[in-house]
Amino acid sequence: MPKPEKKSAETKPADSSQIAEFEKSLDELEKLVERMEHGDQSLDDSLKSFERGVALYRNCQGALEQAELRVKLLSDPQSPDDAKDFDIETP
């Protein structure tokens, strides 16, 4: 029985998708902060914006943590095989 082919982290389409999602979330977060700093929102709108901002922040933080883990795995000279098998979808 043949072994399943291993996919490297560099070739997964999810990489570019995750980067695009991070950039989109960061851009939306920056615009949200700008609107909130302007001070023209009602209390209800401010609370909704804050909740959305927290969700966007968490998305960005998760993406950064995944990127940091990937960099650590790729730069670890002790485990080059582990770096090749890194799955971006695994928490």
PDB file of N, CA and C in Angstrom:
ATOM      1  N   MET A   1       0.848  -1.172   0.000  1.00  0.00           N
ATOM      2  CA  MET A   1       0.000   0.000   0.000  1.00  0.00           C
ATOM      3  C   MET A   1       0.897   1.239   0.000  1.00  0.00           C
ATOM      4  N   PRO A   2       0.728   2.180  -0.960  1.00  0.00           N
ATOM      5  CA  PRO A   2       1.602   3.351  -1.030  1.00  0.00           C
ATOM      6  C   PRO A   2       1.297   4.336   0.092  1.00  0.00           C
ATOM      7  N   LYS A   3       2.356   5.034   0.525  1.00  0.00           N
ATOM      8  CA  LYS A   3       2.203   6.052   1.560  1.00  0.00           C
ATOM      9  C   LYS A   3       1.498   7.267   0.981  1.00  0.00           C
ATOM     10  N   PRO A   4       0.634   7.916   1.774  1.00  0.00           N
ATOM     11  CA  PRO A   4       0.012   9.138   1.277  1.00  0.00           C
ATOM     12  C   PRO A   4       1.077  10.221   1.119  1.00  0.00           C
ATOM     13  N   GLU A   5       0.912  11.021   0.084  1.00  0.00           N
ATOM     14  CA  GLU A   5       1.866  12.083  -0.183  1.00  0.00           C
ATOM     15  C   GLU A   5       1.742  13.175   0.874  1.00  0.00           C
ATOM     16  N   LYS A   6       2.885  13.613   1.399  1.00  0.00           N
ATOM     17  CA  LYS A   6       2.899  14.683   2.390  1.00  0.00           C
ATOM     18  C   LYS A   6       2.896  16.022   1.677  1.00  0.00           C
ATOM     19  N   LYS A   7       2.097  16.934   2.203  1.00  0.00           N
ATOM     20  CA  LYS A   7       2.056  18.281   1.643  1.00  0.00           C
ATOM     21  C   LYS A   7       2.891  19.189   2.527  1.00  0.00           C
ATOM     22  N   SER A   8       3.690  20.015   1.931  1.00  0.00           N
ATOM     23  CA  SER A   8       4.480  20.952   2.723  1.00  0.00           C
ATOM     24  C   SER A   8       3.646  22.181   3.010  1.00  0.00           C
ATOM     25  N   ALA A   9       3.987  22.876   4.084  1.00  0.00           N
ATOM     26  CA  ALA A   9       3.248  24.062   4.491  1.00  0.00           C
ATOM     27  C   ALA A   9       3.347  25.165   3.452  1.00  0.00           C
ATOM     28  N   GLU A  10       4.437  25.192   2.688  1.00  0.00           N
ATOM     29  CA  GLU A  10       4.621  26.267   1.726  1.00  0.00           C
ATOM     30  C   GLU A  10       3.665  26.153   0.542  1.00  0.00           C
ATOM     31  N   THR A  11       3.169  24.980   0.245  1.00  0.00           N
ATOM     32  CA  THR A  11       2.373  24.801  -0.960  1.00  0.00           C
ATOM     33  C   THR A  11       0.877  24.770  -0.701  1.00  0.00           C
ATOM     34  N   LYS A  12       0.457  24.882   0.513  1.00  0.00           N
ATOM     35  CA  LYS A  12      -0.967  24.811   0.806  1.00  0.00           C
ATOM     36  C   LYS A  12      -1.656  26.106   0.398  1.00  0.00           C
ATOM     37  N   PRO A  13      -2.795  26.012  -0.282  1.00  0.00           N
ATOM     38  CA  PRO A  13      -3.518  27.211  -0.646  1.00  0.00           C
ATOM     39  C   PRO A  13      -4.053  27.947   0.573  1.00  0.00           C
ATOM     40  N   ALA A  14      -4.207  27.275   1.689  1.00  0.00           N
ATOM     41  CA  ALA A  14      -4.705  27.915   2.901  1.00  0.00           C
ATOM     42  C   ALA A  14      -3.753  28.997   3.391  1.00  0.00           C
ATOM     43  N   ASP A  15      -2.448  28.885   3.054  1.00  0.00           N
ATOM     44  CA  ASP A  15      -1.482  29.890   3.471  1.00  0.00           C
ATOM     45  C   ASP A  15      -1.863  31.264   2.949  1.00  0.00           C
ATOM     46  N   SER A  16      -2.073  31.387   1.656  1.00  0.00           N
ATOM     47  CA  SER A  16      -2.400  32.681   1.079  1.00  0.00           C
ATOM     48  C   SER A  16      -3.782  33.137   1.535  1.00  0.00           C
ATOM     49  N   SER A  17      -4.682  32.200   1.727  1.00  0.00           N
ATOM     50  CA  SER A  17      -6.013  32.538   2.219  1.00  0.00           C
ATOM     51  C   SER A  17      -5.933  33.089   3.637  1.00  0.00           C
ATOM     52  N   GLN A  18      -5.116  32.464   4.473  1.00  0.00           N
ATOM     53  CA  GLN A  18      -4.986  32.925   5.850  1.00  0.00           C
ATOM     54  C   GLN A  18      -4.327  34.297   5.895  1.00  0.00           C
ATOM     55  N   ILE A  19      -3.349  34.536   5.043  1.00  0.00           N
ATOM     56  CA  ILE A  19      -2.691  35.844   4.986  1.00  0.00           C
ATOM     57  C   ILE A  19      -3.696  36.903   4.543  1.00  0.00           C
ATOM     58  N   ALA A  20      -4.477  36.594   3.532  1.00  0.00           N
ATOM     59  CA  ALA A  20      -5.485  37.533   3.044  1.00  0.00           C
ATOM     60  C   ALA A  20      -6.521  37.828   4.128  1.00  0.00           C
ATOM     61  N   GLU A  21      -6.940  36.804   4.844  1.00  0.00           N
ATOM     62  CA  GLU A  21      -7.914  36.983   5.925  1.00  0.00           C
ATOM     63  C   GLU A  21      -7.330  37.840   7.045  1.00  0.00           C
ATOM     64  N   PHE A  22      -6.055  37.618   7.381  1.00  0.00           N
ATOM     65  CA  PHE A  22      -5.389  38.425   8.405  1.00  0.00           C
ATOM     66  C   PHE A  22      -5.353  39.889   7.979  1.00  0.00           C
ATOM     67  N   GLU A  23      -4.939  40.135   6.740  1.00  0.00           N
ATOM     68  CA  GLU A  23      -4.841  41.507   6.250  1.00  0.00           C
ATOM     69  C   GLU A  23      -6.207  42.189   6.205  1.00  0.00           C
ATOM     70  N   LYS A  24      -7.233  41.442   5.818  1.00  0.00           N
ATOM     71  CA  LYS A  24      -8.590  41.975   5.783  1.00  0.00           C
ATOM     72  C   LYS A  24      -9.062  42.326   7.196  1.00  0.00           C
ATOM     73  N   SER A  25      -8.816  41.427   8.146  1.00  0.00           N
ATOM     74  CA  SER A  25      -9.216  41.675   9.533  1.00  0.00           C
ATOM     75  C   SER A  25      -8.471  42.869  10.113  1.00  0.00           C
ATOM     76  N   LEU A  26      -7.187  42.956   9.842  1.00  0.00           N
ATOM     77  CA  LEU A  26      -6.382  44.062  10.360  1.00  0.00           C
ATOM     78  C   LEU A  26      -6.857  45.390   9.772  1.00  0.00           C
ATOM     79  N   ASP A  27      -7.150  45.404   8.485  1.00  0.00           N
ATOM     80  CA  ASP A  27      -7.638  46.618   7.831  1.00  0.00           C
ATOM     81  C   ASP A  27      -8.974  47.049   8.435  1.00  0.00           C
ATOM     82  N   GLU A  28      -9.878  46.095   8.619  1.00  0.00           N
ATOM     83  CA  GLU A  28     -11.183  46.415   9.208  1.00  0.00           C
ATOM     84  C   GLU A  28     -11.016  46.917  10.637  1.00  0.00           C
ATOM     85  N   LEU A  29     -10.113  46.307  11.384  1.00  0.00           N
ATOM     86  CA  LEU A  29      -9.861  46.726  12.757  1.00  0.00           C
ATOM     87  C   LEU A  29      -9.330  48.158  12.810  1.00  0.00           C
ATOM     88  N   GLU A  30      -8.411  48.492  11.919  1.00  0.00           N
ATOM     89  CA  GLU A  30      -7.868  49.854  11.874  1.00  0.00           C
ATOM     90  C   GLU A  30      -8.963  50.874  11.574  1.00  0.00           C
ATOM     91  N   LYS A  31      -9.850  50.562  10.623  1.00  0.00           N
ATOM     92  CA  LYS A  31     -10.950  51.468  10.283  1.00  0.00           C
ATOM     93  C   LYS A  31     -11.929  51.602  11.446  1.00  0.00           C
ATOM     94  N   LEU A  32     -12.162  50.488  12.131  1.00  0.00           N
ATOM     95  CA  LEU A  32     -13.066  50.486  13.274  1.00  0.00           C
ATOM     96  C   LEU A  32     -12.520  51.372  14.390  1.00  0.00           C
ATOM     97  N   VAL A  33     -11.248  51.251  14.679  1.00  0.00           N
ATOM     98  CA  VAL A  33     -10.615  52.071  15.716  1.00  0.00           C
ATOM     99  C   VAL A  33     -10.685  53.547  15.336  1.00  0.00           C
ATOM    100  N   GLU A  34     -10.441  53.839  14.075  1.00  0.00           N
ATOM    101  CA  GLU A  34     -10.500  55.224  13.601  1.00  0.00           C
ATOM    102  C   GLU A  34     -11.894  55.814  13.816  1.00  0.00           C
ATOM    103  N   ARG A  35     -12.935  55.035  13.467  1.00  0.00           N
ATOM    104  CA  ARG A  35     -14.311  55.514  13.668  1.00  0.00           C
ATOM    105  C   ARG A  35     -14.602  55.723  15.149  1.00  0.00           C
ATOM    106  N   MET A  36     -14.137  54.805  15.986  1.00  0.00           N
ATOM    107  CA  MET A  36     -14.393  54.922  17.423  1.00  0.00           C
ATOM    108  C   MET A  36     -13.654  56.120  18.019  1.00  0.00           C
ATOM    109  N   GLU A  37     -12.444  56.369  17.548  1.00  0.00           N
ATOM    110  CA  GLU A  37     -11.677  57.503  18.052  1.00  0.00           C
ATOM    111  C   GLU A  37     -12.303  58.836  17.650  1.00  0.00           C
ATOM    112  N   HIS A  38     -13.020  58.831  16.539  1.00  0.00           N
ATOM    113  CA  HIS A  38     -13.666  60.054  16.074  1.00  0.00           C
ATOM    114  C   HIS A  38     -14.735  60.501  17.054  1.00  0.00           C
ATOM    115  N   GLY A  39     -15.392  59.552  17.726  1.00  0.00           N
ATOM    116  CA  GLY A  39     -16.320  59.860  18.809  1.00  0.00           C
ATOM    117  C   GLY A  39     -17.735  60.200  18.403  1.00  0.00           C
ATOM    118  N   ASP A  40     -18.132  59.910  17.182  1.00  0.00           N
ATOM    119  CA  ASP A  40     -19.479  60.246  16.723  1.00  0.00           C
ATOM    120  C   ASP A  40     -20.484  59.112  16.892  1.00  0.00           C
ATOM    121  N   GLN A  41     -20.094  58.004  17.460  1.00  0.00           N
ATOM    122  CA  GLN A  41     -20.991  56.860  17.583  1.00  0.00           C
ATOM    123  C   GLN A  41     -21.798  56.938  18.870  1.00  0.00           C
ATOM    124  N   SER A  42     -23.003  56.385  18.806  1.00  0.00           N
ATOM    125  CA  SER A  42     -23.814  56.260  20.014  1.00  0.00           C
ATOM    126  C   SER A  42     -23.185  55.209  20.925  1.00  0.00           C
ATOM    127  N   LEU A  43     -23.658  55.140  22.146  1.00  0.00           N
ATOM    128  CA  LEU A  43     -23.143  54.142  23.081  1.00  0.00           C
ATOM    129  C   LEU A  43     -23.380  52.735  22.545  1.00  0.00           C
ATOM    130  N   ASP A  44     -24.564  52.491  22.009  1.00  0.00           N
ATOM    131  CA  ASP A  44     -24.888  51.171  21.460  1.00  0.00           C
ATOM    132  C   ASP A  44     -23.964  50.821  20.287  1.00  0.00           C
ATOM    133  N   ASP A  45     -23.765  51.769  19.385  1.00  0.00           N
ATOM    134  CA  ASP A  45     -22.871  51.535  18.250  1.00  0.00           C
ATOM    135  C   ASP A  45     -21.431  51.335  18.720  1.00  0.00           C
ATOM    136  N   SER A  46     -21.040  52.078  19.737  1.00  0.00           N
ATOM    137  CA  SER A  46     -19.684  51.932  20.281  1.00  0.00           C
ATOM    138  C   SER A  46     -19.484  50.541  20.869  1.00  0.00           C
ATOM    139  N   LEU A  47     -20.484  50.041  21.572  1.00  0.00           N
ATOM    140  CA  LEU A  47     -20.389  48.694  22.150  1.00  0.00           C
ATOM    141  C   LEU A  47     -20.319  47.631  21.053  1.00  0.00           C
ATOM    142  N   LYS A  48     -21.126  47.798  20.018  1.00  0.00           N
ATOM    143  CA  LYS A  48     -21.088  46.857  18.891  1.00  0.00           C
ATOM    144  C   LYS A  48     -19.721  46.910  18.199  1.00  0.00           C
ATOM    145  N   SER A  49     -19.201  48.118  18.026  1.00  0.00           N
ATOM    146  CA  SER A  49     -17.882  48.271  17.412  1.00  0.00           C
ATOM    147  C   SER A  49     -16.803  47.636  18.281  1.00  0.00           C
ATOM    148  N   PHE A  50     -16.921  47.821  19.582  1.00  0.00           N
ATOM    149  CA  PHE A  50     -15.950  47.222  20.490  1.00  0.00           C
ATOM    150  C   PHE A  50     -15.985  45.700  20.400  1.00  0.00           C
ATOM    151  N   GLU A  51     -17.182  45.129  20.404  1.00  0.00           N
ATOM    152  CA  GLU A  51     -17.324  43.672  20.287  1.00  0.00           C
ATOM    153  C   GLU A  51     -16.719  43.170  18.980  1.00  0.00           C
ATOM    154  N   ARG A  52     -16.995  43.878  17.896  1.00  0.00           N
ATOM    155  CA  ARG A  52     -16.436  43.486  16.602  1.00  0.00           C
ATOM    156  C   ARG A  52     -14.918  43.616  16.622  1.00  0.00           C
ATOM    157  N   GLY A  53     -14.424  44.668  17.244  1.00  0.00           N
ATOM    158  CA  GLY A  53     -12.986  44.874  17.355  1.00  0.00           C
ATOM    159  C   GLY A  53     -12.300  43.760  18.125  1.00  0.00           C
ATOM    160  N   VAL A  54     -12.927  43.307  19.196  1.00  0.00           N
ATOM    161  CA  VAL A  54     -12.360  42.202  19.978  1.00  0.00           C
ATOM    162  C   VAL A  54     -12.289  40.938  19.126  1.00  0.00           C
ATOM    163  N   ALA A  55     -13.351  40.672  18.369  1.00  0.00           N
ATOM    164  CA  ALA A  55     -13.360  39.486  17.502  1.00  0.00           C
ATOM    165  C   ALA A  55     -12.269  39.593  16.436  1.00  0.00           C
ATOM    166  N   LEU A  56     -12.125  40.761  15.838  1.00  0.00           N
ATOM    167  CA  LEU A  56     -11.079  40.959  14.822  1.00  0.00           C
ATOM    168  C   LEU A  56      -9.693  40.811  15.427  1.00  0.00           C
ATOM    169  N   TYR A  57      -9.512  41.368  16.623  1.00  0.00           N
ATOM    170  CA  TYR A  57      -8.229  41.250  17.318  1.00  0.00           C
ATOM    171  C   TYR A  57      -7.882  39.782  17.568  1.00  0.00           C
ATOM    172  N   ARG A  58      -8.857  39.031  18.011  1.00  0.00           N
ATOM    173  CA  ARG A  58      -8.616  37.602  18.281  1.00  0.00           C
ATOM    174  C   ARG A  58      -8.263  36.845  17.003  1.00  0.00           C
ATOM    175  N   ASN A  59      -8.923  37.178  15.907  1.00  0.00           N
ATOM    176  CA  ASN A  59      -8.588  36.549  14.620  1.00  0.00           C
ATOM    177  C   ASN A  59      -7.148  36.860  14.232  1.00  0.00           C
ATOM    178  N   CYS A  60      -6.777  38.113  14.357  1.00  0.00           N
ATOM    179  CA  CYS A  60      -5.414  38.527  14.013  1.00  0.00           C
ATOM    180  C   CYS A  60      -4.396  37.866  14.937  1.00  0.00           C
ATOM    181  N   GLN A  61      -4.691  37.840  16.222  1.00  0.00           N
ATOM    182  CA  GLN A  61      -3.781  37.226  17.188  1.00  0.00           C
ATOM    183  C   GLN A  61      -3.587  35.744  16.892  1.00  0.00           C
ATOM    184  N   GLY A  62      -4.661  35.043  16.563  1.00  0.00           N
ATOM    185  CA  GLY A  62      -4.563  33.621  16.231  1.00  0.00           C
ATOM    186  C   GLY A  62      -3.710  33.393  14.991  1.00  0.00           C
ATOM    187  N   ALA A  63      -3.890  34.236  13.992  1.00  0.00           N
ATOM    188  CA  ALA A  63      -3.094  34.108  12.771  1.00  0.00           C
ATOM    189  C   ALA A  63      -1.622  34.368  13.058  1.00  0.00           C
ATOM    190  N   LEU A  64      -1.342  35.357  13.892  1.00  0.00           N
ATOM    191  CA  LEU A  64       0.055  35.648  14.250  1.00  0.00           C
ATOM    192  C   LEU A  64       0.682  34.508  15.046  1.00  0.00           C
ATOM    193  N   GLU A  65      -0.089  33.912  15.940  1.00  0.00           N
ATOM    194  CA  GLU A  65       0.424  32.774  16.708  1.00  0.00           C
ATOM    195  C   GLU A  65       0.734  31.594  15.792  1.00  0.00           C
ATOM    196  N   GLN A  66      -0.136  31.343  14.808  1.00  0.00           N
ATOM    197  CA  GLN A  66       0.120  30.267  13.847  1.00  0.00           C
ATOM    198  C   GLN A  66       1.373  30.556  13.030  1.00  0.00           C
ATOM    199  N   ALA A  67       1.539  31.816  12.631  1.00  0.00           N
ATOM    200  CA  ALA A  67       2.726  32.192  11.855  1.00  0.00           C
ATOM    201  C   ALA A  67       3.989  32.030  12.696  1.00  0.00           C
ATOM    202  N   GLU A  68       3.921  32.417  13.969  1.00  0.00           N
ATOM    203  CA  GLU A  68       5.070  32.273  14.856  1.00  0.00           C
ATOM    204  C   GLU A  68       5.432  30.799  15.036  1.00  0.00           C
ATOM    205  N   LEU A  69       4.436  29.960  15.225  1.00  0.00           N
ATOM    206  CA  LEU A  69       4.675  28.530  15.370  1.00  0.00           C
ATOM    207  C   LEU A  69       5.304  27.965  14.105  1.00  0.00           C
ATOM    208  N   ARG A  70       4.806  28.384  12.975  1.00  0.00           N
ATOM    209  CA  ARG A  70       5.343  27.910  11.700  1.00  0.00           C
ATOM    210  C   ARG A  70       6.810  28.315  11.536  1.00  0.00           C
ATOM    211  N   VAL A  71       7.119  29.557  11.885  1.00  0.00           N
ATOM    212  CA  VAL A  71       8.509  30.038  11.790  1.00  0.00           C
ATOM    213  C   VAL A  71       9.404  29.226  12.717  1.00  0.00           C
ATOM    214  N   LYS A  72       8.931  28.970  13.935  1.00  0.00           N
ATOM    215  CA  LYS A  72       9.728  28.169  14.876  1.00  0.00           C
ATOM    216  C   LYS A  72       9.990  26.771  14.327  1.00  0.00           C
ATOM    217  N   LEU A  73       8.945  26.165  13.773  1.00  0.00           N
ATOM    218  CA  LEU A  73       9.110  24.812  13.231  1.00  0.00           C
ATOM    219  C   LEU A  73      10.042  24.799  12.027  1.00  0.00           C
ATOM    220  N   LEU A  74       9.927  25.797  11.180  1.00  0.00           N
ATOM    221  CA  LEU A  74      10.766  25.854   9.984  1.00  0.00           C
ATOM    222  C   LEU A  74      12.218  26.192  10.301  1.00  0.00           C
ATOM    223  N   SER A  75      12.451  26.920  11.376  1.00  0.00           N
ATOM    224  CA  SER A  75      13.810  27.338  11.699  1.00  0.00           C
ATOM    225  C   SER A  75      14.500  26.417  12.703  1.00  0.00           C
ATOM    226  N   ASP A  76      13.821  25.401  13.181  1.00  0.00           N
ATOM    227  CA  ASP A  76      14.410  24.473  14.148  1.00  0.00           C
ATOM    228  C   ASP A  76      15.274  23.454  13.403  1.00  0.00           C
ATOM    229  N   PRO A  77      16.594  23.529  13.555  1.00  0.00           N
ATOM    230  CA  PRO A  77      17.466  22.597  12.841  1.00  0.00           C
ATOM    231  C   PRO A  77      17.334  21.154  13.335  1.00  0.00           C
ATOM    232  N   GLN A  78      16.749  20.968  14.490  1.00  0.00           N
ATOM    233  CA  GLN A  78      16.597  19.630  15.067  1.00  0.00           C
ATOM    234  C   GLN A  78      15.472  18.830  14.406  1.00  0.00           C
ATOM    235  N   SER A  79      14.506  19.516  13.816  1.00  0.00           N
ATOM    236  CA  SER A  79      13.346  18.783  13.315  1.00  0.00           C
ATOM    237  C   SER A  79      12.894  19.260  11.931  1.00  0.00           C
ATOM    238  N   PRO A  80      13.723  19.090  10.922  1.00  0.00           N
ATOM    239  CA  PRO A  80      13.305  19.520   9.584  1.00  0.00           C
ATOM    240  C   PRO A  80      12.118  18.732   9.049  1.00  0.00           C
ATOM    241  N   ASP A  81      11.961  17.481   9.442  1.00  0.00           N
ATOM    242  CA  ASP A  81      10.822  16.698   8.972  1.00  0.00           C
ATOM    243  C   ASP A  81       9.518  17.226   9.554  1.00  0.00           C
ATOM    244  N   ASP A  82       9.550  17.669  10.816  1.00  0.00           N
ATOM    245  CA  ASP A  82       8.353  18.223  11.433  1.00  0.00           C
ATOM    246  C   ASP A  82       7.912  19.486  10.708  1.00  0.00           C
ATOM    247  N   ALA A  83       8.854  20.294  10.280  1.00  0.00           N
ATOM    248  CA  ALA A  83       8.516  21.526   9.583  1.00  0.00           C
ATOM    249  C   ALA A  83       7.803  21.224   8.275  1.00  0.00           C
ATOM    250  N   LYS A  84       8.182  20.182   7.601  1.00  0.00           N
ATOM    251  CA  LYS A  84       7.531  19.836   6.342  1.00  0.00           C
ATOM    252  C   LYS A  84       6.104  19.367   6.553  1.00  0.00           C
ATOM    253  N   ASP A  85       5.833  18.771   7.708  1.00  0.00           N
ATOM    254  CA  ASP A  85       4.525  18.221   7.968  1.00  0.00           C
ATOM    255  C   ASP A  85       3.598  19.201   8.689  1.00  0.00           C
ATOM    256  N   PHE A  86       4.052  20.400   8.933  1.00  0.00           N
ATOM    257  CA  PHE A  86       3.261  21.372   9.692  1.00  0.00           C
ATOM    258  C   PHE A  86       1.931  21.623   9.010  1.00  0.00           C
ATOM    259  N   ASP A  87       0.862  21.494   9.766  1.00  0.00           N
ATOM    260  CA  ASP A  87      -0.478  21.710   9.236  1.00  0.00           C
ATOM    261  C   ASP A  87      -1.039  22.994   9.808  1.00  0.00           C
ATOM    262  N   ILE A  88      -1.246  23.989   8.969  1.00  0.00           N
ATOM    263  CA  ILE A  88      -1.717  25.295   9.391  1.00  0.00           C
ATOM    264  C   ILE A  88      -3.097  25.232  10.042  1.00  0.00           C
ATOM    265  N   GLU A  89      -3.881  24.228   9.722  1.00  0.00           N
ATOM    266  CA  GLU A  89      -5.228  24.095  10.260  1.00  0.00           C
ATOM    267  C   GLU A  89      -5.254  23.484  11.651  1.00  0.00           C
ATOM    268  N   THR A  90      -4.132  22.920  12.116  1.00  0.00           N
ATOM    269  CA  THR A  90      -4.078  22.287  13.415  1.00  0.00           C
ATOM    270  C   THR A  90      -3.841  23.342  14.487  1.00  0.00           C
ATOM    271  N   PRO A  91      -4.680  23.410  15.516  1.00  0.00           N
ATOM    272  CA  PRO A  91      -4.489  24.424  16.571  1.00  0.00           C
ATOM    273  C   PRO A  91      -3.258  24.152  17.398  1.00  0.00           C
TER     274      PRO A  91
END
